[in-house]
Every structure is written in C-alpha cells, then in structure tokens.
C-alpha cells in the first residue's frame, strides 16, 4: 500500500522550526524554505506566505500560541484521570493483521444497546485519538490509519445502485477477525449503513487535516509525498472544488453529513462544513506537489480560499452591530447594489438572539442561504474557524469574548454545548422529524459534548487565553471519570448524563487527554493551527466588538 518511497523533500511544513517548536532531538531535517512558503510564493497568483507563530500577535497585547508562559504551562500536577484515560484509550485500539489501525467509538460493555460503537472505527471520531498518540510520540498508529482509509477510498461506492463520487472517504470501517481461517477483513461504510443513509462530507476534510498533523508532529514528509496520498488529496479536492450552478463559494451539504449526523436543520451551507472545508484546503495547499496535476489544484485552492474567506467573514459573521444592521434591513432589493443580498426578512430573526448577543463578542452563525439565516451557535464550526484562521484575529478574540460572556449558556457545568439554543415543541417536530434522541437540550439539540474540550483548549491557546481552557478542564475533571466518560450530557447546564449516551466514549477520553497535553505543552498547537494569511484580509467594516 505504501508504494515506492519517494525522495524526502528538503523543505519543511510551515516556516516554523520543528526542532525548536516540538523540541524533538530525533528530527534531523535540512532547513531551507518552508513547505508553506514554497507552495504560496511560487504561485502565479500573488499570495503572501503564512507567517510563523513567533511573529503573530493577538489583539490587546496577548501573544498567541506558543508564548504562553512556562509557569502557566506546568502550573498543575498530573491529574489522576490522566492515567485512567490512557488505559481506556489503549483498550479501545483496533488491530488489522497485527497492526493498530484505529480506535473503536466506545467500549461501553454495560450498555444493552451498543449498536456498532464497540467494533467500528469512525473517521471523525479517531482524530482526537490520533492527536493524543502523536503528542505522546506514537505516530505509527496514525500512519496506519491514514493508509488504511486511503485504501478504502479507492473502493467502488454504491448505495441502492447509485455510485458515489470517487473521492468520498468512508464514514467508518470495521475489522472482521476470522479466527478459523486466521484472516482479517476490512469492511467500510460510506453512508449505506448510516442512520438516514447520508454520506459523510467531513471525513475527507478530517483526513487531510490529520495528514498535516502527522507531518507536522513527525517531520516525516515522505508519507504526504507518496503517489497514493497525493492522489487521495486530489480526489477529495476534485469532489468539493467542482463547479456547478451554485453562486456561492461555500459547499452545499445535506443534513446529517457531519458531526451533527442526524437531521437538525443544518442542510444548505452549515458553518461546521465550511470551516472544515477552509481548513482542509489550507492544509492541502503546502502538501500538494507542484507537478502537472498538483499545480492545477493549487491554483484552484487559492482562488477558492479567497472567495470563501470573503464570503464567510462578510455574510456569516454576527456581532452586536451586524445584528442591529440585519434588524434594520430593507427587503426585495435588486441588483449588485443590494445591501440585504440574501433577502433575509428582519421578522425572521428569532427573539432569543437579541438577548444572547453581548455588546462584546460575536460568532459565525450556523447557516446562510437565500431568505434564511440560522442564528444558532455551533461550537465546532466556530472553534475550527479560529484554528484555521478563517476567523480574523479580531473575530477570534470576539468568539472567545462571547464564550466568556455567555459561559453559563455555552459551557455550564460540562464543556461544551455543541449547539445553542435547543429547538423544541412544534419546531422540534418539524425540523428533526420528531427525533426522540434529539429532544431539547439533548444529543445534537443543545447537548454538551466533552470531546469539544480539545478544540476549545486549542482555540484558547491560540488566542492567548489559557485560563479559559484551564477552567473548562477543571469542570470536566469533576465529572468525566466518575460518570464513566459519557458521549454527551443533557440539560441547559449539561448536568445530566445523556439519556442515550454511550459510556467509555473514546473521543471523550481522547479529547480530555489532548486538552491536557496541549495546555501543558502549547507547542502541540502547531499540529492543528494555521496562522492568518495576510492576503485574505476581509474588506468589511469593523464593529465595536472587533476593536474592544
């Protein structure tokens, strides 16, 4: 599967010194121009290379990322939960022909209805597990996972006689052990077994993001440069960069195509997918070779990134000033001079958002499409927007302001609300199809997901606010182990173990470990964070929350 090993490139990912950043003496990489710098500067399109972490300052005097004081990094003793978490994570390992290739979704043998959680490796679920192993100096399992899922991508994908796009990555796979024949067989699911039969849009994006994280952590460029990985990236990109009738640079998606994998009214252009799309494009850009095929994709990526960043920062961003502007919108405007470009009726603004929006702070709303704005807060999309620098530094700080200002609503007693607020009553019946698992303040409908702790921690470190992460981690440590590492919590404050939550949920365990390791050693942030590309500065007016 590995194919012939190509000569290792003499350039490194990003213009950030891996040996200085990760302090791993085993790395011995010749340092010339950075991988990111090469990819951007050699384009015919004028795009400025990303700046290194050392030169990036966040507003209000905070330095982001790796300038968290060393005293703050090691200001707490290892919590007893850490050892328990590692034991549970290792028990979740899945092997194929003697090699670890992933982790099962949950190891909850106390549940009467474990479904497939005890045997399946979900692509998106494995990401925090992979980061934990990378941070712990165990990259082999991550490499195996990347190669096995890449192999599965090449399979023919049919659902009810209809063939899916060639680049679709599986939602999950499982290993069937035949003890009698002493054989192992991989079985992939591309959506044909999923609830609602929805193919995952996010699996391919997470795969690219994880490939970059592996490369950043190990300094091993050879994996990304193999023919197989280059082809895999191009297939994913061809699928999402294809041109059609859409007039927006965002990616059109069905309900249930991402982490919110049941019907929750996120069809259209959900923030989670747009943020992951943006991050995957930026991660792929420096890893693609500049051969005949790769160069074409590089040019398409750069054009799409410019259009996507402008669109998202202009139309998805909401703060106090922008909310007031939408409240005063005129409707039925025609021509390119229209201010209300999507013909949003001001009466469609829900009442809750007026009380929820603080004077300081802002966030990317859930969805924007003709005559429709979904004003809900979605945690994953906003946190990935910070890490990918889809959010400007000012917007990133405003998102963190919002989390602090609305701590009870968004964090409560268990980090972190996947979405806010919950939908209920008649709206719940219409939007979810009366889904009994997604009742108000439960599961995807306003439930609290401990796995989001690692994304929150990474965003906190990047914006120079580690104290927020520390506070959230302490909340989790009060309950997580005692409650058996649940998948999610229910209630407005996240006080109750989810009514159908699996226990010993692997990504709850791994999310906690990644958060702890990242807070202790903020240099790990480099695996999952990209600094702002100055060439993509938005041409939009600044509101009060951006300059406070």
Protein backbone atom coordinates (compact mmCIF):
# COMPACT_ATOMS: atom_id res chain seq x y z
CA UNK A 1 0.00 0.00 0.00
CA UNK A 2 2.88 2.34 0.75
CA UNK A 3 4.18 2.10 -2.80
CA UNK A 4 7.71 3.11 -3.77
CA UNK A 5 9.15 5.54 -1.30
CA UNK A 6 9.97 8.83 -2.94
CA UNK A 7 12.89 11.00 -2.05
CA UNK A 8 12.16 13.06 1.02
CA UNK A 9 11.74 16.74 0.37
CA UNK A 10 14.36 19.05 1.82
CA UNK A 11 11.78 21.61 2.88
CA UNK A 12 9.66 21.50 5.99
CA UNK A 13 5.98 22.21 6.62
CA UNK A 14 5.38 25.89 7.51
CA UNK A 15 8.12 28.39 8.21
CA UNK A 16 8.22 27.28 11.80
CA UNK A 17 11.21 25.30 13.02
CA UNK A 18 10.00 21.87 14.05
CA UNK A 19 13.01 21.13 16.23
CA UNK A 20 12.59 24.41 18.09
CA UNK A 21 8.83 24.10 18.26
CA UNK A 22 8.40 20.48 19.26
CA UNK A 23 11.80 20.06 20.93
CA UNK A 24 12.29 16.60 19.47
CA UNK A 25 16.01 15.90 19.01
CA UNK A 26 15.23 12.87 16.82
CA UNK A 27 14.34 15.22 13.96
CA UNK A 28 17.15 15.98 11.59
CA UNK A 29 15.64 17.98 8.78
CA UNK A 30 17.63 20.18 6.44
CA UNK A 31 16.16 23.65 6.79
CA UNK A 32 15.61 25.62 3.65
CA UNK A 33 12.48 27.43 2.52
CA UNK A 34 9.39 26.26 4.33
CA UNK A 35 6.87 23.95 2.66
CA UNK A 36 4.09 26.51 3.07
CA UNK A 37 6.29 29.31 1.77
CA UNK A 38 7.19 27.32 -1.31
CA UNK A 39 3.59 26.48 -2.07
CA UNK A 40 2.36 30.05 -1.80
CA UNK A 41 5.22 32.11 -3.16
CA UNK A 42 5.65 30.08 -6.34
CA UNK A 43 2.03 30.53 -7.40
CA UNK A 44 1.24 32.78 -10.34
CA UNK A 45 -1.46 34.27 -8.11
CA UNK A 46 0.06 36.72 -5.62
CA UNK A 47 -0.49 35.17 -2.21
CA UNK A 48 1.72 36.03 0.73
CA UNK A 49 3.24 33.12 2.63
CA UNK A 50 1.93 32.38 6.08
CA UNK A 51 3.92 33.93 8.88
CA UNK A 52 5.42 31.79 11.62
CA UNK A 53 3.90 31.57 15.06
CA UNK A 54 6.71 33.57 16.63
CA UNK A 55 5.74 36.73 14.76
CA UNK A 56 1.99 36.53 15.34
CA UNK A 57 0.44 38.75 17.99
CA UNK A 58 -3.18 38.67 19.01
CA UNK A 59 -5.03 41.90 19.83
CA UNK A 60 -4.98 43.58 23.21
CA UNK A 61 -1.35 42.71 23.78
CA UNK A 62 -1.83 38.92 24.05
CA UNK A 63 0.69 36.82 22.20
CA UNK A 64 -0.90 33.75 20.72
CA UNK A 65 0.05 30.12 20.74
CA UNK A 66 3.48 29.30 21.96
CA UNK A 67 4.08 32.33 24.13
CA UNK A 68 2.00 31.05 27.00
CA UNK A 69 4.35 31.50 29.99
CA UNK A 70 6.21 28.35 31.01
CA UNK A 71 4.89 28.75 34.54
CA UNK A 72 1.35 28.58 33.20
CA UNK A 73 2.18 25.51 31.15
CA UNK A 74 3.19 23.45 34.13
CA UNK A 75 1.13 25.03 36.86
CA UNK A 76 -0.72 21.87 37.87
CA UNK A 77 0.22 18.35 38.92
CA UNK A 78 -0.83 15.47 36.66
CA UNK A 79 -4.42 14.62 37.44
CA UNK A 80 -5.21 11.00 38.43
CA UNK A 81 -7.65 10.93 35.50
CA UNK A 82 -4.80 11.07 33.00
CA UNK A 83 -3.52 7.55 33.72
CA UNK A 84 -7.07 6.18 33.69
CA UNK A 85 -7.73 7.91 30.37
CA UNK A 86 -4.62 6.41 28.77
CA UNK A 87 -5.58 2.93 29.95
CA UNK A 88 -9.06 3.32 28.48
CA UNK A 89 -7.72 4.74 25.22
CA UNK A 90 -5.33 1.82 24.76
CA UNK A 91 -8.13 -0.66 25.43
CA UNK A 92 -10.03 0.88 22.52
CA UNK A 93 -7.33 0.08 19.94
CA UNK A 94 -8.39 -1.87 16.83
CA UNK A 95 -5.86 -4.11 15.08
CA UNK A 96 -5.68 -5.28 11.48
CA UNK A 97 -3.23 -8.07 10.73
CA UNK A 98 -1.37 -7.37 13.92
CA UNK A 99 -1.06 -3.61 13.50
CA UNK A 100 -3.13 -0.91 15.27
CA UNK A 101 -5.23 0.96 12.72
CA UNK A 102 -7.65 2.99 14.85
CA UNK A 103 -9.79 3.14 17.97
CA UNK A 104 -13.37 1.95 18.44
CA UNK A 105 -16.03 4.56 19.08
CA UNK A 106 -16.93 3.31 22.57
CA UNK A 107 -16.04 0.49 24.94
CA UNK A 108 -19.31 0.50 26.86
CA UNK A 109 -19.97 -3.13 27.74
CA UNK A 110 -22.53 -2.09 30.34
CA UNK A 111 -24.92 -0.87 27.67
CA UNK A 112 -27.67 -3.16 26.48
CA UNK A 113 -27.74 -1.47 23.07
CA UNK A 114 -24.19 -0.83 21.97
CA UNK A 115 -25.12 -0.70 18.27
CA UNK A 116 -21.83 -0.69 16.36
CA UNK A 117 -19.87 1.54 18.74
CA UNK A 118 -17.85 -1.41 20.06
CA UNK A 119 -16.47 -2.54 16.70
CA UNK A 120 -16.37 0.40 14.32
CA UNK A 121 -13.62 2.97 13.76
CA UNK A 122 -15.27 6.26 12.78
CA UNK A 123 -13.01 8.55 10.78
CA UNK A 124 -14.01 11.78 12.55
CA UNK A 125 -14.01 10.08 15.96
CA UNK A 126 -10.43 8.89 15.54
CA UNK A 127 -8.98 12.38 15.08
CA UNK A 128 -8.61 13.26 18.82
CA UNK A 129 -7.25 9.74 19.45
CA UNK A 130 -4.72 10.28 16.67
CA UNK A 131 -3.65 13.64 18.12
CA UNK A 132 -3.20 12.06 21.56
CA UNK A 133 -0.92 9.38 20.12
CA UNK A 134 1.04 11.93 18.09
CA UNK A 135 1.54 14.13 21.15
CA UNK A 136 2.71 11.08 23.07
CA UNK A 137 5.33 10.21 20.43
CA UNK A 138 3.40 7.23 18.97
CA UNK A 139 2.83 8.11 15.30
CA UNK A 140 2.71 4.58 13.84
CA UNK A 141 -0.99 4.02 14.53
CA UNK A 142 -1.81 7.34 12.84
CA UNK A 143 0.21 6.40 9.77
CA UNK A 144 -1.55 3.02 9.61
CA UNK A 145 -4.94 4.69 9.90
CA UNK A 146 -4.17 7.21 7.15
CA UNK A 147 -3.05 4.46 4.78
CA UNK A 148 -5.94 2.10 5.52
CA UNK A 149 -8.61 4.76 5.00
CA UNK A 150 -6.81 5.84 1.84
CA UNK A 151 -7.05 2.24 0.61
CA UNK A 152 -10.78 2.22 1.38
CA UNK A 153 -11.29 5.46 -0.54
CA UNK A 154 -10.37 3.58 -3.70
CA UNK A 155 -13.24 1.13 -3.31
CA UNK A 156 -16.32 1.36 -5.52
CA UNK A 157 -19.03 3.09 -3.50
CA UNK A 158 -22.62 2.14 -4.32
CA UNK A 159 -25.83 2.83 -2.42
CA UNK A 160 -29.02 1.40 -3.93
CA UNK A 161 -27.43 1.11 -7.37
CA UNK A 162 -26.18 4.71 -7.25
CA UNK A 163 -22.42 5.31 -7.33
CA UNK A 164 -20.90 7.96 -5.05
CA UNK A 165 -18.09 10.30 -6.02
CA UNK A 166 -14.66 8.70 -6.36
CA UNK A 167 -13.11 10.89 -3.66
CA UNK A 168 -15.59 10.11 -0.85
CA UNK A 169 -13.84 8.86 2.29
CA UNK A 170 -15.63 6.26 4.43
CA UNK A 171 -17.63 7.35 7.44
CA UNK A 172 -16.21 4.35 9.28
CA UNK A 173 -14.71 0.90 8.92
CA UNK A 174 -14.53 -2.26 10.98
CA UNK A 175 -12.21 -5.24 11.07
CA UNK A 176 -13.70 -8.73 10.90
CA UNK A 177 -11.43 -11.33 12.52
CA UNK A 178 -11.85 -14.91 11.29
CA UNK A 179 -10.07 -17.00 13.93
CA UNK A 180 -10.59 -20.22 11.99
CA UNK A 181 -9.03 -19.00 8.78
CA UNK A 182 -6.73 -16.60 10.62
CA UNK A 183 -7.70 -13.74 8.35
CA UNK A 184 -8.67 -10.11 8.89
CA UNK A 185 -11.07 -8.30 6.57
CA UNK A 186 -11.83 -4.57 6.36
CA UNK A 187 -15.45 -3.51 5.84
CA UNK A 188 -16.12 0.15 5.06
CA UNK A 189 -19.30 2.22 5.38
CA UNK A 190 -19.74 5.15 3.01
CA UNK A 191 -23.20 6.02 4.28
CA UNK A 192 -25.08 2.93 3.16
CA UNK A 193 -25.35 1.74 6.78
CA UNK A 194 -25.67 5.18 8.40
CA UNK A 195 -28.84 6.42 10.08
CA UNK A 196 -30.63 8.33 7.34
CA UNK A 197 -28.24 6.96 4.67
CA UNK A 198 -26.19 10.16 4.49
CA UNK A 199 -22.62 10.07 3.21
CA UNK A 200 -20.07 11.98 5.34
CA UNK A 201 -18.82 15.23 3.84
CA UNK A 202 -16.36 15.83 6.69
CA UNK A 203 -14.39 12.54 6.58
CA UNK A 204 -12.22 13.66 3.68
CA UNK A 205 -11.54 17.02 5.31
CA UNK A 206 -10.53 15.40 8.61
CA UNK A 207 -8.27 13.02 6.70
CA UNK A 208 -6.34 15.91 5.09
CA UNK A 209 -6.16 17.79 8.40
CA UNK A 210 -4.82 14.67 10.14
CA UNK A 211 -2.25 14.06 7.39
CA UNK A 212 -0.86 17.54 8.01
CA UNK A 213 -0.89 16.98 11.79
CA UNK A 214 1.10 13.75 11.31
CA UNK A 215 3.59 15.56 9.08
CA UNK A 216 3.95 18.47 11.50
CA UNK A 217 4.41 16.20 14.50
CA UNK A 218 6.92 13.75 12.98
CA UNK A 219 8.70 15.89 10.41
CA UNK A 220 8.16 12.97 8.03
CA UNK A 221 7.29 14.45 4.64
CA UNK A 222 7.59 11.16 2.77
CA UNK A 223 4.07 9.94 3.60
CA UNK A 224 2.31 13.02 2.23
CA UNK A 225 4.52 12.90 -0.86
CA UNK A 226 3.66 9.33 -1.85
CA UNK A 227 1.70 8.84 -5.03
CA UNK A 228 -1.17 7.35 -3.03
CA UNK A 229 -1.54 10.33 -0.66
CA UNK A 230 -1.20 12.85 -3.46
CA UNK A 231 -3.92 11.08 -5.43
CA UNK A 232 -6.12 10.77 -2.33
CA UNK A 233 -5.92 14.50 -1.67
CA UNK A 234 -6.66 15.34 -5.30
CA UNK A 235 -9.73 13.08 -5.33
CA UNK A 236 -11.13 14.74 -2.20
CA UNK A 237 -10.42 18.19 -3.61
CA UNK A 238 -11.91 17.37 -7.02
CA UNK A 239 -15.13 16.42 -5.28
CA UNK A 240 -15.51 19.68 -3.33
CA UNK A 241 -13.96 22.11 -5.83
CA UNK A 242 -16.17 21.04 -8.72
CA UNK A 243 -18.04 23.84 -10.48
CA UNK A 244 -21.78 23.86 -10.99
CA UNK A 245 -24.81 26.08 -10.67
CA UNK A 246 -24.02 27.37 -7.19
CA UNK A 247 -23.29 31.11 -6.97
CA UNK A 248 -21.61 30.82 -3.54
CA UNK A 249 -18.07 29.58 -2.74
CA UNK A 250 -19.45 27.64 0.23
CA UNK A 251 -20.14 23.90 -0.02
CA UNK A 252 -23.74 22.72 -0.36
CA UNK A 253 -24.49 19.90 2.10
CA UNK A 254 -27.28 17.65 3.30
CA UNK A 255 -28.48 17.27 6.87
CA UNK A 256 -26.57 14.63 8.81
CA UNK A 257 -23.35 14.87 6.76
CA UNK A 258 -21.02 15.84 9.60
CA UNK A 259 -20.58 15.54 13.37
CA UNK A 260 -24.22 16.55 13.68
CA UNK A 261 -25.12 13.28 12.00
CA UNK A 262 -28.91 13.41 12.36
CA UNK A 263 -31.50 15.76 10.94
CA UNK A 264 -31.11 19.09 12.74
CA UNK A 265 -31.95 21.62 10.04
CA UNK A 266 -28.31 22.18 9.04
CA UNK A 267 -28.89 21.49 5.33
CA UNK A 268 -27.52 24.12 2.99
CA UNK A 269 -24.19 25.66 3.98
CA UNK A 270 -23.54 24.64 7.61
CA UNK A 271 -20.74 26.50 9.39
CA UNK A 272 -19.10 23.26 10.54
CA UNK A 273 -18.55 22.04 6.98
CA UNK A 274 -17.45 25.45 5.68
CA UNK A 275 -14.84 25.80 8.45
CA UNK A 276 -13.53 22.26 7.89
CA UNK A 277 -13.55 22.85 4.12
CA UNK A 278 -11.49 26.01 4.58
CA UNK A 279 -9.04 24.29 6.94
CA UNK A 280 -8.64 21.24 4.68
CA UNK A 281 -7.91 23.49 1.69
CA UNK A 282 -5.23 25.33 3.64
CA UNK A 283 -3.73 22.08 4.95
CA UNK A 284 -3.63 20.55 1.47
CA UNK A 285 -2.06 23.61 -0.15
CA UNK A 286 1.51 23.10 1.13
CA UNK A 287 1.36 19.30 0.87
CA UNK A 288 0.39 19.10 -2.81
CA UNK A 289 3.28 18.61 -5.21
CA UNK A 290 3.77 21.17 -7.94
CA UNK A 291 3.64 18.63 -10.73
CA UNK A 292 1.21 18.95 -13.64
CA UNK A 293 -1.79 17.65 -11.68
CA UNK A 294 -0.93 19.22 -8.34
CA UNK A 295 -0.28 22.70 -9.71
CA UNK A 296 -3.77 22.92 -11.20
CA UNK A 297 -5.31 22.08 -7.82
CA UNK A 298 -3.07 24.59 -6.04
CA UNK A 299 -4.35 27.39 -8.27
CA UNK A 300 -7.98 26.31 -7.75
CA UNK A 301 -7.48 26.14 -3.99
CA UNK A 302 -6.02 29.64 -3.77
CA UNK A 303 -8.89 31.14 -5.76
CA UNK A 304 -11.46 29.30 -3.65
CA UNK A 305 -9.80 30.31 -0.37
CA UNK A 306 -10.01 33.99 -1.27
CA UNK A 307 -13.66 33.75 -2.26
CA UNK A 308 -14.57 31.54 0.71
CA UNK A 309 -12.84 33.70 3.32
CA UNK A 310 -14.52 36.85 1.98
CA UNK A 311 -17.95 35.20 1.88
CA UNK A 312 -17.75 33.71 5.37
CA UNK A 313 -16.30 36.78 7.05
CA UNK A 314 -18.82 39.04 5.34
CA UNK A 315 -22.08 37.08 5.49
CA UNK A 316 -21.76 34.50 8.28
CA UNK A 317 -20.28 36.83 10.90
CA UNK A 318 -22.62 38.22 13.55
CA UNK A 319 -21.96 40.65 16.37
CA UNK A 320 -23.99 43.38 18.05
CA UNK A 321 -23.52 45.89 15.25
CA UNK A 322 -24.22 43.39 12.49
CA UNK A 323 -27.34 42.15 14.29
CA UNK A 324 -28.59 45.70 14.51
CA UNK A 325 -27.93 46.16 10.78
CA UNK A 326 -29.89 43.00 9.89
CA UNK A 327 -32.71 44.17 12.18
CA UNK A 328 -32.99 47.30 10.00
CA UNK A 329 -32.67 45.53 6.63
CA UNK A 330 -34.82 46.58 3.67
CA UNK A 331 -36.16 43.68 1.61
CA UNK A 332 -36.77 42.90 -2.07
CA UNK A 333 -33.57 44.71 -3.08
CA UNK A 334 -32.40 44.09 -6.61
CA UNK A 335 -29.09 44.48 -8.45
CA UNK A 336 -25.49 44.42 -7.23
CA UNK A 337 -26.11 47.47 -5.04
CA UNK A 338 -28.34 45.46 -2.66
CA UNK A 339 -27.31 45.55 0.98
CA UNK A 340 -29.60 42.68 2.01
CA UNK A 341 -28.10 40.34 -0.59
CA UNK A 342 -29.87 37.20 0.57
CA UNK A 343 -33.27 38.90 1.07
CA UNK A 344 -33.46 38.00 4.75
CA UNK A 345 -36.71 39.22 6.32
CA UNK A 346 -35.91 41.00 9.63
CA UNK A 347 -39.01 39.45 11.24
CA UNK A 348 -37.33 36.04 10.82
CA UNK A 349 -34.71 36.92 13.44
CA UNK A 350 -35.52 34.75 16.50
CA UNK A 351 -36.22 36.57 19.76
CA UNK A 352 -33.54 34.70 21.73
CA UNK A 353 -30.64 36.11 19.70
CA UNK A 354 -31.31 39.71 20.86
CA UNK A 355 -30.78 38.72 24.50
CA UNK A 356 -27.96 36.27 23.71
CA UNK A 357 -25.78 38.74 21.78
CA UNK A 358 -23.48 40.68 24.15
CA UNK A 359 -22.10 44.09 23.25
CA UNK A 360 -18.63 42.49 23.32
CA UNK A 361 -18.22 39.37 21.24
CA UNK A 362 -19.51 37.70 18.11
CA UNK A 363 -19.63 34.41 16.23
CA UNK A 364 -20.17 32.74 12.88
CA UNK A 365 -23.84 31.81 12.60
CA UNK A 366 -24.93 28.33 11.62
CA UNK A 367 -26.09 28.84 8.05
CA UNK A 368 -26.74 31.47 5.39
CA UNK A 369 -28.73 30.86 2.22
CA UNK A 370 -31.45 32.69 0.26
CA UNK A 371 -34.06 34.13 2.67
CA UNK A 372 -32.63 32.09 5.53
CA UNK A 373 -30.21 32.74 8.34
CA UNK A 374 -29.71 30.10 11.03
CA UNK A 375 -28.64 32.21 14.01
CA UNK A 376 -27.74 29.23 16.22
CA UNK A 377 -24.27 28.91 17.75
CA UNK A 378 -22.36 25.82 16.61
CA UNK A 379 -19.24 25.13 18.65
CA UNK A 380 -17.19 23.03 16.25
CA UNK A 381 -17.56 25.43 13.32
CA UNK A 382 -16.54 28.45 15.38
CA UNK A 383 -13.57 26.75 17.04
CA UNK A 384 -12.27 25.36 13.73
CA UNK A 385 -12.70 28.86 12.27
CA UNK A 386 -10.26 30.11 14.92
CA UNK A 387 -7.75 27.29 14.39
CA UNK A 388 -7.82 27.58 10.59
CA UNK A 389 -7.72 31.39 10.67
CA UNK A 390 -10.96 31.54 8.75
CA UNK A 391 -11.73 33.96 11.59
CA UNK A 392 -9.54 37.05 11.59
CA UNK A 393 -7.56 37.69 14.81
CA UNK A 394 -10.23 40.22 15.80
CA UNK A 395 -13.04 37.78 15.10
CA UNK A 396 -11.20 35.04 17.01
CA UNK A 397 -10.97 37.28 20.05
CA UNK A 398 -14.66 38.18 19.69
CA UNK A 399 -15.61 34.47 19.67
CA UNK A 400 -13.65 33.97 22.88
CA UNK A 401 -15.33 37.07 24.34
CA UNK A 402 -18.70 35.52 23.56
CA UNK A 403 -17.77 32.25 25.29
CA UNK A 404 -16.73 34.18 28.41
CA UNK A 405 -19.78 36.45 28.34
CA UNK A 406 -22.16 33.51 27.81
CA UNK A 407 -20.35 30.94 29.92
CA UNK A 408 -23.49 29.57 31.59
CA UNK A 409 -25.24 29.06 28.25
CA UNK A 410 -22.32 27.64 26.25
CA UNK A 411 -20.27 25.84 28.92
CA UNK A 412 -22.37 25.50 32.06
CA UNK A 413 -21.29 22.55 34.21
CA UNK A 414 -19.82 20.42 31.41
CA UNK A 415 -17.93 21.73 28.38
CA UNK A 416 -19.19 22.28 25.70
CA UNK A 417 -22.58 22.92 24.06
CA UNK A 418 -22.50 21.50 20.54
CA UNK A 419 -25.20 23.96 19.52
CA UNK A 420 -27.21 26.71 21.21
CA UNK A 421 -30.08 27.11 21.77
CA UNK A 422 -32.12 23.90 21.60
CA UNK A 423 -35.09 23.71 19.27
CA UNK A 424 -38.31 22.49 20.86
CA UNK A 425 -42.06 21.99 20.58
CA UNK A 426 -43.52 22.41 17.09
CA UNK A 427 -40.18 23.50 15.61
CA UNK A 428 -38.54 20.32 17.00
CA UNK A 429 -41.22 18.16 15.39
CA UNK A 430 -40.84 19.86 12.01
CA UNK A 431 -37.04 20.21 11.90
CA UNK A 432 -35.95 16.88 13.41
CA UNK A 433 -38.88 14.77 12.25
CA UNK A 434 -39.80 14.12 15.92
CA UNK A 435 -36.38 12.54 16.52
CA UNK A 436 -36.60 11.10 20.08
CA UNK A 437 -32.82 11.20 20.51
CA UNK A 438 -32.64 14.89 19.68
CA UNK A 439 -35.17 16.23 22.18
CA UNK A 440 -34.41 19.66 23.64
CA UNK A 441 -31.04 20.06 25.40
CA UNK A 442 -30.01 16.54 24.41
CA UNK A 443 -27.53 15.00 21.97
CA UNK A 444 -27.18 17.26 18.91
CA UNK A 445 -30.02 19.50 20.06
CA UNK A 446 -28.19 21.55 22.69
CA UNK A 447 -26.35 18.67 24.37
CA UNK A 448 -22.87 19.12 25.93
CA UNK A 449 -20.02 17.17 24.32
CA UNK A 450 -16.78 16.61 26.30
CA UNK A 451 -14.87 15.84 23.08
CA UNK A 452 -15.08 19.55 22.19
CA UNK A 453 -12.73 20.24 25.09
CA UNK A 454 -9.65 19.74 22.91
CA UNK A 455 -10.87 22.20 20.28
CA UNK A 456 -11.75 24.76 22.94
CA UNK A 457 -8.32 24.36 24.53
CA UNK A 458 -6.55 24.78 21.20
CA UNK A 459 -8.57 27.94 20.44
CA UNK A 460 -7.84 29.30 23.92
CA UNK A 461 -4.10 28.80 23.50
CA UNK A 462 -4.10 30.35 20.04
CA UNK A 463 -5.94 33.46 21.28
CA UNK A 464 -3.75 33.80 24.38
CA UNK A 465 -6.45 32.81 26.89
CA UNK A 466 -5.28 29.55 28.51
CA UNK A 467 -7.17 30.42 31.68
CA UNK A 468 -10.47 29.71 29.89
CA UNK A 469 -9.24 26.24 28.91
CA UNK A 470 -7.99 25.56 32.43
CA UNK A 471 -11.39 26.48 33.87
CA UNK A 472 -13.18 24.21 31.38
CA UNK A 473 -10.82 21.29 32.02
CA UNK A 474 -11.37 21.58 35.77
CA UNK A 475 -15.12 21.37 35.19
CA UNK A 476 -14.68 18.22 33.14
CA UNK A 477 -12.40 16.66 35.74
CA UNK A 478 -15.14 17.00 38.34
CA UNK A 479 -17.39 14.59 36.46
CA UNK A 480 -15.95 12.75 33.47
CA UNK A 481 -14.18 9.82 35.13
CA UNK A 482 -16.80 9.42 37.84
CA UNK A 483 -19.55 9.32 35.21
CA UNK A 484 -17.70 6.79 33.03
CA UNK A 485 -16.59 9.08 30.16
CA UNK A 486 -20.05 9.67 28.58
CA UNK A 487 -20.51 10.61 24.94
CA UNK A 488 -22.62 13.65 25.84
CA UNK A 489 -24.53 15.36 28.66
CA UNK A 490 -28.11 16.69 28.72
CA UNK A 491 -29.81 19.76 30.18
CA UNK A 492 -29.38 23.50 29.86
CA UNK A 493 -26.25 23.39 32.03
CA UNK A 494 -25.05 19.95 30.95
CA UNK A 495 -25.73 18.49 34.42
CA UNK A 496 -27.11 15.10 33.41
CA UNK A 497 -25.51 12.16 31.63
CA UNK A 498 -27.14 11.92 28.19
CA UNK A 499 -30.19 9.71 28.15
CA UNK A 500 -28.76 7.54 25.37
CA UNK A 501 -25.09 8.46 25.76
CA UNK A 502 -22.60 5.62 25.45
CA UNK A 503 -20.09 5.40 28.27
CA UNK A 504 -16.34 4.97 27.82
CA UNK A 505 -16.75 7.00 24.63
CA UNK A 506 -13.28 7.03 23.08
CA UNK A 507 -13.32 10.56 21.77
CA UNK A 508 -14.45 11.92 25.16
CA UNK A 509 -11.39 10.21 26.63
CA UNK A 510 -9.02 11.32 23.87
CA UNK A 511 -10.41 14.87 23.82
CA UNK A 512 -9.56 15.24 27.50
CA UNK A 513 -6.02 13.88 27.00
CA UNK A 514 -5.34 16.18 24.05
CA UNK A 515 -6.61 19.19 26.02
CA UNK A 516 -4.37 18.33 28.97
CA UNK A 517 -1.26 17.72 26.87
CA UNK A 518 -1.81 20.85 24.82
CA UNK A 519 -2.22 23.02 27.91
CA UNK A 520 0.94 21.53 29.45
CA UNK A 521 2.92 21.95 26.22
CA UNK A 522 1.35 24.59 23.95
CA UNK A 523 3.85 23.77 21.18
CA UNK A 524 1.48 20.92 20.25
CA UNK A 525 -0.86 23.59 18.90
CA UNK A 526 1.18 23.67 15.69
CA UNK A 527 -0.35 20.36 14.64
CA UNK A 528 -3.88 21.77 14.44
CA UNK A 529 -3.45 25.50 13.95
CA UNK A 530 -2.76 27.72 10.94
CA UNK A 531 -1.86 31.38 11.18
CA UNK A 532 -3.60 34.10 9.23
CA UNK A 533 -2.78 34.60 5.58
CA UNK A 534 -2.43 38.37 5.28
CA UNK A 535 -3.51 38.25 1.62
CA UNK A 536 -7.02 37.22 2.70
CA UNK A 537 -7.81 40.27 4.84
CA UNK A 538 -11.56 40.94 4.67
CA UNK A 539 -12.95 44.08 3.09
CA UNK A 540 -15.64 44.53 5.70
CA UNK A 541 -16.34 47.24 8.20
CA UNK A 542 -15.20 46.77 11.78
CA UNK A 543 -17.77 46.64 14.52
CA UNK A 544 -17.40 47.63 18.16
CA UNK A 545 -16.70 44.09 19.27
CA UNK A 546 -13.71 43.84 16.95
CA UNK A 547 -11.91 46.81 18.43
CA UNK A 548 -12.76 46.44 22.11
